[in-house]
Amino acid sequence: MEGEDDDHERGTSVIKARNLDVDELEGELIILNVRSQQIIMLNAAGLELWKGLDVVNTRSAAMGSIKEALPEVAPDTVEQSITKLIEDLLRGGFLKEVQG
């Protein structure tokens, strides 16, 4: 059911994984997962998400903070992009999900 997925995502928090080497370079973020040796580069929106995870960690709160930080980007675009980014970061071992 659609509502169940929304409730699950609202109650799920995402946190940064351990064993990461993170460097900011010219407005982008380069993250190395030391354990898996995977690297990901994040653009300005990804950088905002990453920084925001220090303050908020639910998906819905992260979406809200990105929408505020990037008001020139359409809300639907932000939601699609950030949802995909969070899924990519989870798959790559850069983030972990915790029930909260």
Protein backbone atom coordinates (compact mmCIF):
# COMPACT_ATOMS: atom_id res chain seq x y z
CA MET A 1 0.00 0.00 0.00
CA GLU A 2 1.21 3.47 -0.83
CA GLY A 3 0.59 4.89 2.64
CA GLU A 4 2.58 2.13 4.28
CA ASP A 5 5.70 2.99 2.25
CA ASP A 6 5.35 6.67 3.18
CA ASP A 7 4.94 5.78 6.87
CA HIS A 8 7.96 3.46 6.68
CA GLU A 9 10.16 6.15 5.13
CA ARG A 10 9.01 8.78 7.65
CA GLY A 11 9.88 6.45 10.55
CA THR A 12 13.19 5.39 9.06
CA SER A 13 16.28 7.41 9.82
CA VAL A 14 19.42 7.43 7.76
CA ILE A 15 22.81 7.92 9.34
CA LYS A 16 26.30 8.22 7.92
CA ALA A 17 28.23 4.98 7.89
CA ARG A 18 31.54 4.58 9.67
CA ASN A 19 34.85 4.12 7.87
CA LEU A 20 34.31 6.99 5.44
CA ASP A 21 36.90 9.43 4.14
CA VAL A 22 35.12 12.65 3.14
CA ASP A 23 36.65 15.59 1.29
CA GLU A 24 34.98 18.75 -0.01
CA LEU A 25 36.44 20.14 -3.22
CA GLU A 26 35.11 23.17 -5.09
CA GLY A 27 31.52 22.80 -3.90
CA GLU A 28 31.39 19.04 -4.38
CA LEU A 29 31.87 16.20 -1.94
CA ILE A 30 34.03 13.15 -2.54
CA ILE A 31 33.30 10.23 -0.22
CA LEU A 32 35.37 7.06 -0.01
CA ASN A 33 33.98 4.04 1.79
CA VAL A 34 37.24 2.70 3.18
CA ARG A 35 35.81 -0.76 3.81
CA SER A 36 34.34 -1.37 0.33
CA GLN A 37 36.71 0.98 -1.56
CA GLN A 38 33.70 2.58 -3.29
CA ILE A 39 33.82 6.27 -4.13
CA ILE A 40 30.95 8.64 -4.79
CA MET A 41 30.97 12.30 -5.77
CA LEU A 42 28.10 14.53 -4.68
CA ASN A 43 27.05 17.78 -6.34
CA ALA A 44 25.70 20.85 -4.50
CA ALA A 45 22.36 19.18 -3.66
CA GLY A 46 24.13 16.05 -2.44
CA LEU A 47 26.48 18.19 -0.38
CA GLU A 48 23.47 19.90 1.25
CA LEU A 49 21.94 16.49 2.02
CA TRP A 50 25.20 15.21 3.52
CA LYS A 51 25.65 18.27 5.71
CA GLY A 52 21.98 18.16 6.70
CA LEU A 53 22.34 14.61 8.00
CA ASP A 54 24.34 16.05 10.89
CA VAL A 55 21.16 17.83 12.04
CA VAL A 56 18.21 15.78 10.73
CA ASN A 57 18.15 12.16 9.75
CA THR A 58 14.67 11.22 8.61
CA ARG A 59 14.02 11.16 4.89
CA SER A 60 11.16 13.65 5.13
CA ALA A 61 13.22 16.11 7.19
CA ALA A 62 16.11 15.79 4.75
CA MET A 63 13.75 16.54 1.85
CA GLY A 64 12.45 19.61 3.64
CA SER A 65 15.92 20.98 4.34
CA ILE A 66 17.04 20.47 0.72
CA LYS A 67 13.91 22.18 -0.60
CA GLU A 68 14.66 25.16 1.65
CA ALA A 69 18.35 25.24 0.64
CA LEU A 70 17.56 25.03 -3.09
CA PRO A 71 14.32 27.00 -3.61
CA GLU A 72 15.08 27.48 -7.31
CA VAL A 73 14.69 23.71 -7.93
CA ALA A 74 11.17 22.33 -8.38
CA PRO A 75 10.00 20.37 -5.29
CA ASP A 76 9.19 17.25 -7.38
CA THR A 77 12.68 17.31 -8.85
CA VAL A 78 14.21 17.59 -5.39
CA GLU A 79 12.16 14.65 -4.09
CA GLN A 80 13.04 12.40 -7.03
CA SER A 81 16.72 13.31 -6.97
CA ILE A 82 17.17 13.05 -3.21
CA THR A 83 15.22 9.78 -3.00
CA LYS A 84 17.49 8.29 -5.68
CA LEU A 85 20.59 9.71 -4.02
CA ILE A 86 19.65 8.27 -0.61
CA GLU A 87 19.03 4.87 -2.20
CA ASP A 88 22.41 5.04 -4.00
CA LEU A 89 24.17 6.03 -0.75
CA LEU A 90 22.48 3.16 1.11
CA ARG A 91 23.41 0.63 -1.59
CA GLY A 92 27.00 1.86 -1.62
CA GLY A 93 27.34 1.57 2.15
CA PHE A 94 27.73 5.33 2.68
CA LEU A 95 24.51 5.54 4.73
CA LYS A 96 22.73 3.09 7.02
CA GLU A 97 19.03 2.86 7.83
CA VAL A 98 17.90 2.70 11.42
CA GLN A 99 14.36 2.47 12.73
CA GLY A 100 13.52 5.40 14.89
